[in-house]
Protein backbone atom coordinates (compact mmCIF):
# COMPACT_ATOMS: atom_id res chain seq x y z
CA UNK A 1 -0.71 -39.49 -30.67
CA UNK A 2 2.09 -40.07 -33.08
CA UNK A 3 4.74 -42.41 -31.88
CA UNK A 4 8.27 -41.58 -32.87
CA UNK A 5 10.47 -44.37 -33.90
CA UNK A 6 13.79 -44.16 -32.12
CA UNK A 7 16.60 -45.51 -34.19
CA UNK A 8 19.45 -46.82 -32.17
CA UNK A 9 22.78 -46.78 -33.82
CA UNK A 10 26.07 -47.89 -32.57
CA UNK A 11 28.71 -45.25 -32.75
CA UNK A 12 32.07 -46.66 -33.64
CA UNK A 13 34.88 -45.05 -31.66
CA UNK A 14 37.54 -43.37 -33.70
CA UNK A 15 40.89 -44.68 -32.56
CA UNK A 16 43.21 -41.80 -33.43
CA UNK A 17 41.00 -38.77 -32.94
CA UNK A 18 43.22 -36.11 -31.38
CA UNK A 19 40.35 -34.17 -29.87
CA UNK A 20 39.08 -37.25 -28.07
CA UNK A 21 42.62 -38.11 -27.00
CA UNK A 22 43.09 -34.57 -25.68
CA UNK A 23 39.88 -34.83 -23.68
CA UNK A 24 40.99 -38.17 -22.21
CA UNK A 25 44.41 -36.78 -21.35
CA UNK A 26 42.90 -33.70 -19.75
CA UNK A 27 40.48 -35.79 -17.71
CA UNK A 28 43.27 -38.12 -16.57
CA UNK A 29 45.55 -35.19 -15.79
CA UNK A 30 42.87 -33.42 -13.77
CA UNK A 31 42.17 -36.60 -11.84
CA UNK A 32 45.88 -37.02 -11.18
CA UNK A 33 46.28 -33.33 -10.35
CA UNK A 34 43.43 -33.15 -7.87
CA UNK A 35 43.51 -36.74 -6.68
CA UNK A 36 47.13 -37.09 -5.63
CA UNK A 37 47.94 -35.04 -2.55
CA UNK A 38 51.51 -36.15 -1.90
CA UNK A 39 52.90 -34.99 -5.23
CA UNK A 40 54.34 -31.52 -5.80
CA UNK A 41 52.72 -29.02 -8.16
CA UNK A 42 55.73 -29.28 -10.49
CA UNK A 43 55.49 -33.09 -10.61
CA UNK A 44 51.80 -32.79 -11.45
CA UNK A 45 52.51 -30.28 -14.20
CA UNK A 46 55.25 -32.54 -15.61
CA UNK A 47 52.80 -35.45 -15.66
CA UNK A 48 50.17 -33.40 -17.50
CA UNK A 49 52.77 -32.10 -19.98
CA UNK A 50 54.02 -35.62 -20.53
CA UNK A 51 50.53 -36.88 -21.40
CA UNK A 52 50.12 -34.16 -24.04
CA UNK A 53 53.65 -34.77 -25.28
CA UNK A 54 52.80 -38.41 -26.01
CA UNK A 55 49.94 -37.25 -28.27
CA UNK A 56 52.13 -34.77 -30.14
CA UNK A 57 54.94 -37.34 -30.46
CA UNK A 58 52.70 -39.53 -32.61
CA UNK A 59 52.37 -36.73 -35.16
CA UNK A 60 55.85 -35.30 -35.19
CA UNK A 61 59.01 -36.33 -37.01
CA UNK A 62 59.65 -39.98 -37.69
CA UNK A 63 63.33 -39.36 -37.06
CA UNK A 64 65.16 -40.87 -34.11
CA UNK A 65 67.82 -38.13 -34.26
CA UNK A 66 67.43 -35.92 -31.14
CA UNK A 67 68.51 -32.80 -33.07
CA UNK A 68 65.82 -33.36 -35.70
CA UNK A 69 63.19 -34.10 -33.07
CA UNK A 70 64.10 -30.94 -31.11
CA UNK A 71 63.85 -28.91 -34.33
CA UNK A 72 60.38 -30.38 -34.95
CA UNK A 73 59.33 -29.55 -31.38
CA UNK A 74 60.54 -25.97 -31.90
CA UNK A 75 58.62 -25.78 -35.16
CA UNK A 76 55.47 -27.04 -33.40
CA UNK A 77 55.95 -24.67 -30.44
CA UNK A 78 56.62 -21.62 -32.61
CA UNK A 79 54.07 -22.52 -35.29
CA UNK A 80 51.18 -22.78 -32.85
CA UNK A 81 52.07 -19.51 -31.06
CA UNK A 82 52.88 -21.23 -27.76
CA UNK A 83 55.93 -19.00 -27.43
CA UNK A 84 59.33 -18.65 -29.04
CA UNK A 85 61.55 -21.71 -28.78
CA UNK A 86 65.20 -21.51 -29.79
CA UNK A 87 67.62 -24.45 -29.70
CA UNK A 88 71.22 -23.81 -28.68
CA UNK A 89 73.67 -26.52 -29.72
CA UNK A 90 76.41 -27.27 -27.26
CA UNK A 91 77.42 -29.66 -24.57
CA UNK A 92 74.80 -30.02 -23.27
CA UNK A 93 72.18 -28.96 -25.79
CA UNK A 94 69.84 -26.36 -24.35
CA UNK A 95 66.76 -24.57 -25.55
CA UNK A 96 65.16 -21.34 -24.49
CA UNK A 97 61.52 -20.35 -24.37
CA UNK A 98 60.44 -16.73 -24.47
CA UNK A 99 57.01 -15.12 -24.46
CA UNK A 100 55.34 -18.40 -23.55
CA UNK A 101 51.59 -18.57 -23.72
CA UNK A 102 51.31 -19.65 -20.08
CA UNK A 103 54.03 -17.40 -18.63
CA UNK A 104 52.77 -14.06 -19.90
CA UNK A 105 51.48 -12.16 -16.88
CA UNK A 106 52.68 -14.74 -14.36
CA UNK A 107 53.75 -13.31 -11.04
CA UNK A 108 57.18 -14.12 -9.73
CA UNK A 109 57.32 -17.45 -7.96
CA UNK A 110 54.59 -19.14 -10.02
CA UNK A 111 56.45 -22.00 -11.65
CA UNK A 112 54.63 -23.37 -14.67
CA UNK A 113 57.50 -24.88 -16.56
CA UNK A 114 57.01 -28.41 -15.22
CA UNK A 115 54.41 -28.79 -17.98
CA UNK A 116 57.01 -27.86 -20.61
CA UNK A 117 59.60 -30.22 -19.11
CA UNK A 118 57.17 -33.13 -19.27
CA UNK A 119 55.92 -32.17 -22.74
CA UNK A 120 59.34 -31.96 -24.41
CA UNK A 121 60.77 -34.87 -22.44
CA UNK A 122 58.02 -37.28 -23.48
CA UNK A 123 58.29 -36.30 -27.16
CA UNK A 124 62.06 -36.76 -27.13
CA UNK A 125 61.82 -40.10 -25.38
CA UNK A 126 58.96 -41.40 -27.51
CA UNK A 127 60.66 -40.46 -30.79
CA UNK A 128 64.27 -41.35 -29.94
CA UNK A 129 63.78 -44.35 -27.71
CA UNK A 130 64.97 -42.46 -24.63
CA UNK A 131 67.81 -40.00 -25.15
CA UNK A 132 67.62 -38.57 -21.67
CA UNK A 133 65.70 -35.93 -19.83
CA UNK A 134 64.83 -32.25 -19.96
CA UNK A 135 65.45 -30.02 -16.96
CA UNK A 136 64.71 -26.32 -16.48
CA UNK A 137 67.79 -24.36 -15.43
CA UNK A 138 66.44 -20.79 -15.63
CA UNK A 139 62.87 -19.52 -15.29
CA UNK A 140 61.33 -16.15 -16.14
CA UNK A 141 58.74 -16.62 -13.37
CA UNK A 142 61.62 -16.75 -10.89
CA UNK A 143 63.22 -13.56 -12.22
CA UNK A 144 65.20 -15.06 -15.09
CA UNK A 145 65.48 -13.34 -18.45
CA UNK A 146 63.97 -16.38 -20.15
CA UNK A 147 63.08 -19.99 -19.49
CA UNK A 148 66.05 -22.17 -20.36
CA UNK A 149 66.14 -25.96 -20.40
CA UNK A 150 69.01 -28.42 -20.55
CA UNK A 151 68.72 -31.71 -22.42
CA UNK A 152 70.63 -34.35 -20.49
CA UNK A 153 71.86 -37.04 -22.87
CA UNK A 154 71.80 -40.73 -22.06
CA UNK A 155 74.93 -42.73 -22.64
CA UNK A 156 74.80 -46.50 -22.96
CA UNK A 157 77.63 -48.18 -21.09
CA UNK A 158 78.27 -51.88 -21.36
CA UNK A 159 78.68 -53.81 -18.10
CA UNK A 160 78.87 -57.53 -17.44
CA UNK A 161 75.17 -57.49 -16.47
CA UNK A 162 74.23 -55.77 -19.77
CA UNK A 163 73.83 -52.18 -20.93
CA UNK A 164 73.29 -49.49 -18.30
CA UNK A 165 71.85 -46.04 -18.95
CA UNK A 166 73.88 -43.17 -17.49
CA UNK A 167 72.69 -39.59 -17.54
CA UNK A 168 75.40 -37.16 -18.63
C-alpha cells in the first residue's frame, strides 16, 4: 500500500477579491432577506442593492462631485447591459432607467426597483460623503413608461448645536 503524503497549505485570503465580496454580500443579503420577517420586500431589496453598491463604489470614480459620480454610475449601468440609464439635470436631478435587466418580463405590480434605489444611493453616499437619497417616483412595473428616480440633495445648515442635514 502506498501512502500518500498530504501537504497542508495555508491559503491566504485575498482582501479585495470582488468575487469573494459578491459571494459574501449575496449570502448576507439572503440571510437578511429570508431571516427578517418584519421588513417589507422593498426594504429588503434596498438593503441588498446597497450591499452591492458599496462594492461598486470602491471601484468607481474618485470624485466627490455628485454629477460625476452619477455619470460614472450611468456608465457602469449602461456598459454592463443592466439597462439604459439616462441622467436628467434639473432641480431635483433625476435619472431614468429603461429596459432594465430585472424588469424585462415583469408583471404589473412586481416592484423590483428597491434594489436600484439601494444600489445607487449607497454609491452616491460612499463617494460623496452623503449627498442625500435616491427615491423612485415612477415605475414601469406599476404601469409607468419608465422607471424614474429623484436624487434628493442634502443641505448642511448651521445651528447652535452644530451642522444639521436637511433633505431638500
